[in-house]
Amino acid sequence: MPRYEYRCRTCGSTFEVSRPMAESSAPADCPAGHDDTVKLLSAVAVGGTSSAPSPAAGGGGGCCGGGCCS
């Protein structure tokens, strides 16, 4: 389930809420009980490996990587 980050405008605390994507825009109450909160934009980091070949391994594609340029 996605986690969304919020900041309370009243006390300034930052907190996270786990909820379905369908409820992503629903308001969230601060853990201290305040209701004046704003949803923050978060950067997403995705780790892992790719199944695509790397250009250094001789793979690639596109115009210059695929050999169509002269």
Protein backbone atom coordinates (compact mmCIF):
# COMPACT_ATOMS: atom_id res chain seq x y z
CA MET A 1 0.00 0.00 0.00
CA PRO A 2 1.42 3.44 -0.89
CA ARG A 3 2.63 5.79 1.83
CA TYR A 4 1.91 9.50 1.55
CA GLU A 5 3.77 12.21 3.45
CA TYR A 6 1.95 15.14 5.06
CA ARG A 7 2.96 18.24 7.01
CA CYS A 8 0.82 19.83 9.70
CA ARG A 9 0.47 23.58 9.20
CA THR A 10 -0.46 24.06 12.86
CA CYS A 11 2.47 22.37 14.62
CA GLY A 12 4.89 21.82 11.72
CA SER A 13 5.28 18.07 12.20
CA THR A 14 5.74 15.76 9.22
CA PHE A 15 4.06 12.35 9.17
CA GLU A 16 3.18 9.51 6.80
CA VAL A 17 -0.13 7.78 6.11
CA SER A 18 -0.55 4.42 4.35
CA ARG A 19 -3.70 4.32 2.25
CA PRO A 20 -4.96 3.02 -1.10
CA MET A 21 -4.22 5.13 -4.19
CA ALA A 22 -7.96 5.79 -4.57
CA GLU A 23 -7.80 7.72 -1.27
CA SER A 24 -4.55 9.59 -2.03
CA SER A 25 -6.22 13.01 -2.12
CA ALA A 26 -8.31 12.49 1.04
CA PRO A 27 -7.40 14.83 3.93
CA ALA A 28 -5.27 13.46 6.77
CA ASP A 29 -5.31 14.52 10.42
CA CYS A 30 -2.06 15.24 12.23
CA PRO A 31 -1.16 12.66 14.92
CA ALA A 32 -1.43 15.55 17.42
CA GLY A 33 -5.08 16.03 16.42
CA HIS A 34 -4.80 19.03 14.08
CA ASP A 35 -6.72 19.00 10.81
CA ASP A 36 -4.82 21.70 8.86
CA THR A 37 -2.44 19.47 6.91
CA VAL A 38 -0.95 19.51 3.44
CA LYS A 39 0.19 16.54 1.34
CA LEU A 40 3.86 16.77 0.36
CA LEU A 41 5.39 15.78 -2.94
CA SER A 42 7.87 12.98 -2.44
CA ALA A 43 10.71 11.82 -4.63
CA VAL A 44 10.54 8.12 -5.38
CA ALA A 45 13.67 6.02 -5.45
CA VAL A 46 13.47 2.66 -7.17
CA GLY A 47 16.27 0.16 -6.79
CA GLY A 48 16.99 -3.09 -8.48
CA THR A 49 18.48 -4.27 -11.71
CA SER A 50 17.38 -3.85 -15.26
CA SER A 51 16.93 -6.70 -17.71
CA ALA A 52 17.96 -4.40 -20.57
CA PRO A 53 21.57 -4.71 -21.71
CA SER A 54 23.83 -1.84 -20.81
CA PRO A 55 25.58 0.15 -23.57
CA ALA A 56 28.95 -0.85 -22.08
CA ALA A 57 28.05 -4.51 -22.62
CA GLY A 58 27.58 -3.96 -26.35
CA GLY A 59 23.82 -3.70 -26.15
CA GLY A 60 21.87 -0.57 -26.62
CA GLY A 61 19.78 0.63 -29.45
CA GLY A 62 18.44 3.86 -30.67
CA CYS A 63 20.10 5.73 -33.47
CA CYS A 64 23.68 6.02 -32.29
CA GLY A 65 23.72 2.83 -30.23
CA GLY A 66 22.14 0.74 -32.96
CA GLY A 67 24.59 1.54 -35.71
CA CYS A 68 22.28 3.48 -38.02
CA CYS A 69 24.42 6.64 -37.94
CA SER A 70 27.22 7.11 -40.42
